[in-house]
């Protein structure tokens, strides 16, 4: 069933609808390109890559190097403690029986 009243602006087969579709498509492409270029710009507030700025004070370099070494050792030790605790829990639960799938 077709409506008896047809508008010249709503005609789907006419030139007006095709032109409107092209204009809307072009506007969408232009908007997308504008957004893409805006998102691709680098932010000046963000530092990219190593800067090569070193402290001139050798004492500060020694302290920062030693701090990094202590931090690495602390990380390794904490992971070892977690592994030992997990093994101890597993051993205690082995006496009672448990599902192996829960620990894998």
Protein backbone atom coordinates (compact mmCIF):
# COMPACT_ATOMS: atom_id res chain seq x y z
CA UNK A 1 0.00 0.00 0.00
CA UNK A 2 1.45 3.35 -1.04
CA UNK A 3 0.60 6.71 0.36
CA UNK A 4 -1.33 8.94 -1.98
CA UNK A 5 0.67 12.03 -0.96
CA UNK A 6 4.29 12.04 -2.11
CA UNK A 7 6.58 14.85 -1.30
CA UNK A 8 9.23 16.05 -3.71
CA UNK A 9 11.80 16.19 -0.86
CA UNK A 10 11.13 12.64 0.37
CA UNK A 11 11.16 10.98 -3.02
CA UNK A 12 13.58 8.06 -2.62
CA UNK A 13 14.27 7.54 -6.30
CA UNK A 14 14.75 11.17 -7.21
CA UNK A 15 17.82 13.30 -7.72
CA UNK A 16 17.19 15.20 -4.49
CA UNK A 17 17.64 12.06 -2.34
CA UNK A 18 20.80 11.01 -4.19
CA UNK A 19 22.30 14.47 -3.79
CA UNK A 20 21.40 14.52 -0.09
CA UNK A 21 23.02 11.12 0.40
CA UNK A 22 26.24 12.27 -1.29
CA UNK A 23 26.32 15.44 0.82
CA UNK A 24 25.76 13.49 4.04
CA UNK A 25 28.43 10.96 3.08
CA UNK A 26 30.92 13.73 2.29
CA UNK A 27 30.14 15.45 5.59
CA UNK A 28 30.73 12.17 7.44
CA UNK A 29 34.05 11.60 5.70
CA UNK A 30 35.17 15.18 6.42
CA UNK A 31 34.18 14.87 10.07
CA UNK A 32 35.99 11.55 10.38
CA UNK A 33 39.16 12.95 8.83
CA UNK A 34 39.05 16.00 11.11
CA UNK A 35 38.69 13.80 14.19
CA UNK A 36 41.46 11.45 13.00
CA UNK A 37 43.93 14.30 12.49
CA UNK A 38 43.06 15.73 15.90
CA UNK A 39 43.61 12.37 17.59
CA UNK A 40 46.86 11.74 15.72
CA UNK A 41 48.51 14.93 16.99
CA UNK A 42 51.19 14.48 19.64
CA UNK A 43 50.61 15.96 23.04
CA UNK A 44 53.48 18.24 24.00
CA UNK A 45 52.96 17.46 27.69
CA UNK A 46 53.86 13.79 27.14
CA UNK A 47 57.55 12.92 26.92
CA UNK A 48 58.37 10.31 24.28
CA UNK A 49 61.40 8.05 24.62
CA UNK A 50 64.56 8.47 26.61
CA UNK A 51 65.56 12.04 27.15
CA UNK A 52 69.26 11.55 27.85
CA UNK A 53 69.19 13.93 30.79
CA UNK A 54 71.49 12.57 33.46
CA UNK A 55 72.20 14.00 36.85
CA UNK A 56 75.60 15.60 37.04
CA UNK A 57 76.06 14.51 40.63
CA UNK A 58 77.78 11.07 40.74
CA UNK A 59 76.43 10.47 44.25
CA UNK A 60 72.85 10.74 42.98
CA UNK A 61 73.61 8.26 40.18
CA UNK A 62 75.04 5.80 42.70
CA UNK A 63 72.03 6.17 44.99
CA UNK A 64 69.52 5.76 42.16
CA UNK A 65 71.37 2.69 40.85
CA UNK A 66 71.49 1.13 44.30
CA UNK A 67 67.81 1.92 44.84
CA UNK A 68 66.90 0.14 41.61
CA UNK A 69 68.98 -2.88 42.66
CA UNK A 70 67.28 -3.04 46.09
CA UNK A 71 63.87 -2.71 44.46
CA UNK A 72 64.63 -5.61 42.10
CA UNK A 73 65.79 -7.80 44.97
CA UNK A 74 62.69 -6.96 47.02
CA UNK A 75 60.48 -7.92 44.08
CA UNK A 76 62.20 -11.29 43.67
CA UNK A 77 62.00 -12.00 47.40
CA UNK A 78 58.32 -11.11 47.60
CA UNK A 79 57.55 -13.44 44.70
CA UNK A 80 59.51 -16.22 46.46
CA UNK A 81 57.49 -15.66 49.64
CA UNK A 82 54.24 -15.85 47.68
CA UNK A 83 55.35 -19.11 46.04
CA UNK A 84 56.33 -20.63 49.40
CA UNK A 85 53.01 -19.62 50.96
CA UNK A 86 51.13 -21.16 48.07
CA UNK A 87 53.08 -24.42 48.39
CA UNK A 88 52.41 -24.49 52.14
CA UNK A 89 48.68 -24.00 51.57
CA UNK A 90 48.67 -26.68 48.90
CA UNK A 91 50.48 -29.10 51.22
CA UNK A 92 47.98 -28.47 54.02
CA UNK A 93 45.07 -28.96 51.70
CA UNK A 94 46.62 -32.14 50.27
CA UNK A 95 45.99 -33.81 53.59
CA UNK A 96 42.28 -33.01 53.30
CA UNK A 97 42.00 -33.57 49.55
CA UNK A 98 41.15 -30.86 47.02
CA UNK A 99 40.56 -30.30 43.36
CA UNK A 100 43.81 -29.82 41.40
CA UNK A 101 42.03 -27.79 38.73
CA UNK A 102 41.51 -24.93 41.19
CA UNK A 103 45.28 -24.44 41.50
CA UNK A 104 46.29 -24.63 37.86
